[in-house]
Amino acid sequence: MPVYTYRCDACGVQFEKHQSFLDNPLKTCPECRRKKLKKVITPSKVIFKGSGFYATDHKSASGGKSAAESKSREGKSEKKEESKASETKAETKTTEKKND
């Protein structure tokens, strides 16, 4: 469950509250009982440093492939398929000539 920080605009009290995502935000201050409570936006406490957290990241010193490497490998495989197709055509022509 996430922890939310609230601050009262009337009396200035600030506190944290464990709440579910489905719970409605609090509106009444527990100290002064006024409806001046606001949710305080705080920065995330989780910090991701470095690369390699997602499969789409670029290659880093820790491993993984970059997008450029993937494209160059795709190009090489396409060239291999084209050369195989041309070899097959040449073999077919040679076979046809022998049969004639």
C-alpha atoms as a PDB file:
ATOM      1  CA  MET A   1       0.000   0.000   0.000  1.00  0.00           C
ATOM      2  CA  PRO A   2       1.311   3.438  -0.861  1.00  0.00           C
ATOM      3  CA  VAL A   3       2.026   6.115   1.709  1.00  0.00           C
ATOM      4  CA  TYR A   4       0.521   9.553   1.055  1.00  0.00           C
ATOM      5  CA  THR A   5       1.595  12.804   2.695  1.00  0.00           C
ATOM      6  CA  TYR A   6      -1.090  15.301   3.719  1.00  0.00           C
ATOM      7  CA  ARG A   7      -0.813  18.909   4.930  1.00  0.00           C
ATOM      8  CA  CYS A   8      -3.498  21.095   6.476  1.00  0.00           C
ATOM      9  CA  ASP A   9      -3.709  24.610   5.025  1.00  0.00           C
ATOM     10  CA  ALA A  10      -5.417  25.877   8.203  1.00  0.00           C
ATOM     11  CA  CYS A  11      -3.149  24.674  11.024  1.00  0.00           C
ATOM     12  CA  GLY A  12      -0.058  23.520   9.047  1.00  0.00           C
ATOM     13  CA  VAL A  13       0.086  19.990  10.445  1.00  0.00           C
ATOM     14  CA  GLN A  14       1.689  17.467   8.070  1.00  0.00           C
ATOM     15  CA  PHE A  15       1.414  13.663   8.330  1.00  0.00           C
ATOM     16  CA  GLU A  16       1.663  10.456   6.311  1.00  0.00           C
ATOM     17  CA  LYS A  17      -1.129   7.945   5.818  1.00  0.00           C
ATOM     18  CA  HIS A  18      -1.089   4.392   4.392  1.00  0.00           C
ATOM     19  CA  GLN A  19      -3.962   4.147   1.936  1.00  0.00           C
ATOM     20  CA  SER A  20      -5.088   1.862  -0.836  1.00  0.00           C
ATOM     21  CA  PHE A  21      -5.249   3.156  -4.402  1.00  0.00           C
ATOM     22  CA  LEU A  22      -9.010   2.788  -4.205  1.00  0.00           C
ATOM     23  CA  ASP A  23      -9.405   4.893  -1.029  1.00  0.00           C
ATOM     24  CA  ASN A  24     -10.669   8.449  -1.400  1.00  0.00           C
ATOM     25  CA  PRO A  25      -8.208  11.186  -0.381  1.00  0.00           C
ATOM     26  CA  LEU A  26      -8.598  12.558   3.143  1.00  0.00           C
ATOM     27  CA  LYS A  27     -10.241  15.978   3.411  1.00  0.00           C
ATOM     28  CA  THR A  28     -10.664  16.638   7.152  1.00  0.00           C
ATOM     29  CA  CYS A  29      -7.626  17.519   9.308  1.00  0.00           C
ATOM     30  CA  PRO A  30      -7.270  15.241  12.362  1.00  0.00           C
ATOM     31  CA  GLU A  31      -5.915  18.167  14.465  1.00  0.00           C
ATOM     32  CA  CYS A  32      -8.196  21.136  13.770  1.00  0.00           C
ATOM     33  CA  ARG A  33     -11.115  19.237  12.148  1.00  0.00           C
ATOM     34  CA  ARG A  34     -11.310  21.680   9.212  1.00  0.00           C
ATOM     35  CA  LYS A  35     -11.703  20.547   5.619  1.00  0.00           C
ATOM     36  CA  LYS A  36      -8.437  22.153   4.509  1.00  0.00           C
ATOM     37  CA  LEU A  37      -6.380  18.984   4.040  1.00  0.00           C
ATOM     38  CA  LYS A  38      -4.387  18.670   0.795  1.00  0.00           C
ATOM     39  CA  LYS A  39      -2.286  15.867  -0.596  1.00  0.00           C
ATOM     40  CA  VAL A  40       1.405  16.809  -0.837  1.00  0.00           C
ATOM     41  CA  ILE A  41       3.160  15.732  -4.026  1.00  0.00           C
ATOM     42  CA  THR A  42       6.525  14.226  -3.128  1.00  0.00           C
ATOM     43  CA  PRO A  43       9.242  12.892  -5.422  1.00  0.00           C
ATOM     44  CA  SER A  44       9.508   9.168  -5.930  1.00  0.00           C
ATOM     45  CA  LYS A  45      11.635   7.287  -3.417  1.00  0.00           C
ATOM     46  CA  VAL A  46      12.724   4.747  -6.025  1.00  0.00           C
ATOM     47  CA  ILE A  47      15.610   5.868  -8.221  1.00  0.00           C
ATOM     48  CA  PHE A  48      16.804   3.811 -11.194  1.00  0.00           C
ATOM     49  CA  LYS A  49      20.401   4.586 -12.098  1.00  0.00           C
ATOM     50  CA  GLY A  50      22.213   3.255 -15.138  1.00  0.00           C
ATOM     51  CA  SER A  51      20.813   1.316 -18.040  1.00  0.00           C
ATOM     52  CA  GLY A  52      19.587  -2.179 -18.644  1.00  0.00           C
ATOM     53  CA  PHE A  53      16.227  -2.030 -16.905  1.00  0.00           C
ATOM     54  CA  TYR A  54      14.246  -2.562 -20.105  1.00  0.00           C
ATOM     55  CA  ALA A  55      14.782  -4.736 -23.164  1.00  0.00           C
ATOM     56  CA  THR A  56      14.567  -1.601 -25.344  1.00  0.00           C
ATOM     57  CA  ASP A  57      17.568   0.076 -23.682  1.00  0.00           C
ATOM     58  CA  HIS A  58      20.686   0.675 -25.730  1.00  0.00           C
ATOM     59  CA  LYS A  59      23.758  -1.480 -25.302  1.00  0.00           C
ATOM     60  CA  SER A  60      25.789  -0.703 -22.238  1.00  0.00           C
ATOM     61  CA  ALA A  61      28.994  -1.999 -20.720  1.00  0.00           C
ATOM     62  CA  SER A  62      26.930  -4.535 -18.771  1.00  0.00           C
ATOM     63  CA  GLY A  63      25.700  -6.306 -21.929  1.00  0.00           C
ATOM     64  CA  GLY A  64      22.646  -6.208 -24.144  1.00  0.00           C
ATOM     65  CA  LYS A  65      22.336  -5.194 -27.800  1.00  0.00           C
ATOM     66  CA  SER A  66      21.870  -1.742 -29.229  1.00  0.00           C
ATOM     67  CA  ALA A  67      19.234  -0.909 -31.820  1.00  0.00           C
ATOM     68  CA  ALA A  68      21.960  -0.332 -34.438  1.00  0.00           C
ATOM     69  CA  GLU A  69      23.384  -3.818 -33.919  1.00  0.00           C
ATOM     70  CA  SER A  70      19.956  -5.385 -34.255  1.00  0.00           C
ATOM     71  CA  LYS A  71      19.324  -3.543 -37.528  1.00  0.00           C
ATOM     72  CA  SER A  72      22.721  -4.509 -38.958  1.00  0.00           C
ATOM     73  CA  ARG A  73      22.070  -8.161 -38.101  1.00  0.00           C
ATOM     74  CA  GLU A  74      18.641  -7.972 -39.746  1.00  0.00           C
ATOM     75  CA  GLY A  75      20.258  -6.534 -42.885  1.00  0.00           C
ATOM     76  CA  LYS A  76      22.805  -9.367 -42.973  1.00  0.00           C
ATOM     77  CA  SER A  77      20.098 -12.014 -42.647  1.00  0.00           C
ATOM     78  CA  GLU A  78      18.137 -10.384 -45.492  1.00  0.00           C
ATOM     79  CA  LYS A  79      21.234 -10.468 -47.703  1.00  0.00           C
ATOM     80  CA  LYS A  80      21.741 -14.167 -46.896  1.00  0.00           C
ATOM     81  CA  GLU A  81      18.132 -14.926 -47.845  1.00  0.00           C
ATOM     82  CA  GLU A  82      18.550 -13.036 -51.140  1.00  0.00           C
ATOM     83  CA  SER A  83      21.740 -14.927 -51.994  1.00  0.00           C
ATOM     84  CA  LYS A  84      20.063 -18.264 -51.184  1.00  0.00           C
ATOM     85  CA  ALA A  85      17.142 -17.343 -53.446  1.00  0.00           C
ATOM     86  CA  SER A  86      19.482 -16.437 -56.328  1.00  0.00           C
ATOM     87  CA  GLU A  87      21.414 -19.722 -55.844  1.00  0.00           C
ATOM     88  CA  THR A  88      18.152 -21.666 -55.998  1.00  0.00           C
ATOM     89  CA  LYS A  89      17.186 -19.897 -59.234  1.00  0.00           C
ATOM     90  CA  ALA A  90      20.585 -20.677 -60.767  1.00  0.00           C
ATOM     91  CA  GLU A  91      20.289 -24.345 -59.781  1.00  0.00           C
ATOM     92  CA  THR A  92      16.800 -24.508 -61.294  1.00  0.00           C
ATOM     93  CA  LYS A  93      18.061 -23.056 -64.602  1.00  0.00           C
ATOM     94  CA  THR A  94      20.959 -25.525 -64.669  1.00  0.00           C
ATOM     95  CA  THR A  95      18.629 -28.441 -64.013  1.00  0.00           C
ATOM     96  CA  GLU A  96      16.277 -27.286 -66.775  1.00  0.00           C
ATOM     97  CA  LYS A  97      19.128 -27.078 -69.293  1.00  0.00           C
ATOM     98  CA  LYS A  98      20.299 -30.612 -68.416  1.00  0.00           C
ATOM     99  CA  ASN A  99      16.788 -31.988 -68.849  1.00  0.00           C
ATOM    100  CA  ASP A 100      16.425 -30.441 -72.327  1.00  0.00           C
END
